[in-house]
Amino acid sequence: MPTSRLKPGSRRLVGLLFIVAGGLLVIAQVLRFGVVASEWNGAGWAGVNTTYLIMSVLMLVVAVLLIRFGWRMRRDGHISDEPG
């Protein structure tokens, strides 16, 4: 059975930091999507940098995972879904 090395107060703080970091990253990626949308509106697909768009989507996935890990840390102290 995995045990956490952090005290409950520290786990809650680390979880909160994960949630805040994930939330800020979501905001940043939404702003980046706005930039891509304005580029697409101005020049069509030729004006959109596909690498930039793919990295934005990947970073959005990372942000959601950070929020999920933070939520789990605050709730029960485990990041994984393993029983116990």
C-alpha atoms as a PDB file:
ATOM      1  CA  MET A   1       0.000   0.000   0.000  1.00  0.00           C
ATOM      2  CA  PRO A   2       1.588   3.313  -1.037  1.00  0.00           C
ATOM      3  CA  THR A   3       1.934   5.836   1.719  1.00  0.00           C
ATOM      4  CA  SER A   4       2.453   9.544   1.333  1.00  0.00           C
ATOM      5  CA  ARG A   5       5.594  11.043   2.796  1.00  0.00           C
ATOM      6  CA  LEU A   6       3.948  14.431   3.168  1.00  0.00           C
ATOM      7  CA  LYS A   7       1.907  15.532   6.135  1.00  0.00           C
ATOM      8  CA  PRO A   8      -1.790  16.218   5.452  1.00  0.00           C
ATOM      9  CA  GLY A   9      -1.322  19.987   5.565  1.00  0.00           C
ATOM     10  CA  SER A  10       1.560  19.795   3.111  1.00  0.00           C
ATOM     11  CA  ARG A  11      -0.437  17.536   0.790  1.00  0.00           C
ATOM     12  CA  ARG A  12      -3.258  20.061   0.729  1.00  0.00           C
ATOM     13  CA  LEU A  13      -0.809  22.872  -0.021  1.00  0.00           C
ATOM     14  CA  VAL A  14       0.879  20.914  -2.824  1.00  0.00           C
ATOM     15  CA  GLY A  15      -2.539  20.034  -4.221  1.00  0.00           C
ATOM     16  CA  LEU A  16      -3.561  23.682  -4.149  1.00  0.00           C
ATOM     17  CA  LEU A  17      -0.357  24.658  -5.957  1.00  0.00           C
ATOM     18  CA  PHE A  18      -1.056  22.044  -8.639  1.00  0.00           C
ATOM     19  CA  ILE A  19      -4.596  23.370  -9.072  1.00  0.00           C
ATOM     20  CA  VAL A  20      -3.407  26.986  -9.309  1.00  0.00           C
ATOM     21  CA  ALA A  21      -0.639  26.081 -11.776  1.00  0.00           C
ATOM     22  CA  GLY A  22      -3.079  24.096 -13.909  1.00  0.00           C
ATOM     23  CA  GLY A  23      -5.619  26.917 -13.837  1.00  0.00           C
ATOM     24  CA  LEU A  24      -3.040  29.479 -14.924  1.00  0.00           C
ATOM     25  CA  LEU A  25      -1.902  27.167 -17.700  1.00  0.00           C
ATOM     26  CA  VAL A  26      -5.506  26.751 -18.897  1.00  0.00           C
ATOM     27  CA  ILE A  27      -5.890  30.542 -19.022  1.00  0.00           C
ATOM     28  CA  ALA A  28      -2.636  30.881 -20.979  1.00  0.00           C
ATOM     29  CA  GLN A  29      -3.676  28.227 -23.486  1.00  0.00           C
ATOM     30  CA  VAL A  30      -7.093  29.810 -24.005  1.00  0.00           C
ATOM     31  CA  LEU A  31      -5.304  33.069 -24.808  1.00  0.00           C
ATOM     32  CA  ARG A  32      -3.004  31.213 -27.220  1.00  0.00           C
ATOM     33  CA  PHE A  33      -6.048  29.691 -28.931  1.00  0.00           C
ATOM     34  CA  GLY A  34      -7.355  33.227 -29.357  1.00  0.00           C
ATOM     35  CA  VAL A  35      -4.124  34.184 -31.119  1.00  0.00           C
ATOM     36  CA  VAL A  36      -4.365  31.144 -33.407  1.00  0.00           C
ATOM     37  CA  ALA A  37      -8.009  31.950 -34.154  1.00  0.00           C
ATOM     38  CA  SER A  38      -7.140  35.514 -35.126  1.00  0.00           C
ATOM     39  CA  GLU A  39      -4.301  34.252 -37.366  1.00  0.00           C
ATOM     40  CA  TRP A  40      -6.690  31.794 -38.994  1.00  0.00           C
ATOM     41  CA  ASN A  41      -9.305  34.512 -39.437  1.00  0.00           C
ATOM     42  CA  GLY A  42      -6.780  36.798 -41.111  1.00  0.00           C
ATOM     43  CA  ALA A  43      -4.855  34.471 -43.410  1.00  0.00           C
ATOM     44  CA  GLY A  44      -6.669  31.128 -43.329  1.00  0.00           C
ATOM     45  CA  TRP A  45      -4.829  27.870 -42.681  1.00  0.00           C
ATOM     46  CA  ALA A  46      -1.739  29.219 -44.417  1.00  0.00           C
ATOM     47  CA  GLY A  47      -1.309  31.734 -41.598  1.00  0.00           C
ATOM     48  CA  VAL A  48      -1.602  29.181 -38.793  1.00  0.00           C
ATOM     49  CA  ASN A  49       1.565  27.605 -37.431  1.00  0.00           C
ATOM     50  CA  THR A  50       0.557  23.961 -36.903  1.00  0.00           C
ATOM     51  CA  THR A  51       3.380  23.274 -34.443  1.00  0.00           C
ATOM     52  CA  TYR A  52       2.153  26.171 -32.320  1.00  0.00           C
ATOM     53  CA  LEU A  53      -1.387  24.799 -32.441  1.00  0.00           C
ATOM     54  CA  ILE A  54      -0.337  21.236 -31.546  1.00  0.00           C
ATOM     55  CA  MET A  55       1.783  22.470 -28.636  1.00  0.00           C
ATOM     56  CA  SER A  56      -1.170  24.513 -27.389  1.00  0.00           C
ATOM     57  CA  VAL A  57      -3.399  21.435 -27.395  1.00  0.00           C
ATOM     58  CA  LEU A  58      -0.750  19.348 -25.609  1.00  0.00           C
ATOM     59  CA  MET A  59      -0.238  22.040 -22.985  1.00  0.00           C
ATOM     60  CA  LEU A  60      -3.995  22.189 -22.443  1.00  0.00           C
ATOM     61  CA  VAL A  61      -3.959  18.443 -21.742  1.00  0.00           C
ATOM     62  CA  VAL A  62      -1.069  18.946 -19.300  1.00  0.00           C
ATOM     63  CA  ALA A  63      -3.029  21.704 -17.565  1.00  0.00           C
ATOM     64  CA  VAL A  64      -6.047  19.438 -17.118  1.00  0.00           C
ATOM     65  CA  LEU A  65      -3.806  16.703 -15.697  1.00  0.00           C
ATOM     66  CA  LEU A  66      -2.231  19.178 -13.264  1.00  0.00           C
ATOM     67  CA  ILE A  67      -5.664  20.205 -12.032  1.00  0.00           C
ATOM     68  CA  ARG A  68      -6.697  16.565 -11.687  1.00  0.00           C
ATOM     69  CA  PHE A  69      -3.538  15.646  -9.760  1.00  0.00           C
ATOM     70  CA  GLY A  70      -3.995  18.648  -7.487  1.00  0.00           C
ATOM     71  CA  TRP A  71      -7.611  17.716  -6.834  1.00  0.00           C
ATOM     72  CA  ARG A  72      -6.583  14.165  -5.954  1.00  0.00           C
ATOM     73  CA  MET A  73      -3.771  15.382  -3.680  1.00  0.00           C
ATOM     74  CA  ARG A  74      -6.159  17.631  -1.782  1.00  0.00           C
ATOM     75  CA  ARG A  75      -8.816  14.953  -1.528  1.00  0.00           C
ATOM     76  CA  ASP A  76      -6.983  11.786  -0.545  1.00  0.00           C
ATOM     77  CA  GLY A  77      -3.263  12.360  -0.962  1.00  0.00           C
ATOM     78  CA  HIS A  78      -2.824  10.001  -3.915  1.00  0.00           C
ATOM     79  CA  ILE A  79      -2.103  10.964  -7.488  1.00  0.00           C
ATOM     80  CA  SER A  80      -2.606   7.508  -8.965  1.00  0.00           C
ATOM     81  CA  ASP A  81      -5.890   5.630  -9.214  1.00  0.00           C
ATOM     82  CA  GLU A  82      -4.515   2.529  -7.527  1.00  0.00           C
ATOM     83  CA  PRO A  83      -6.762   1.085  -4.834  1.00  0.00           C
ATOM     84  CA  GLY A  84      -5.681   1.548  -1.267  1.00  0.00           C
END
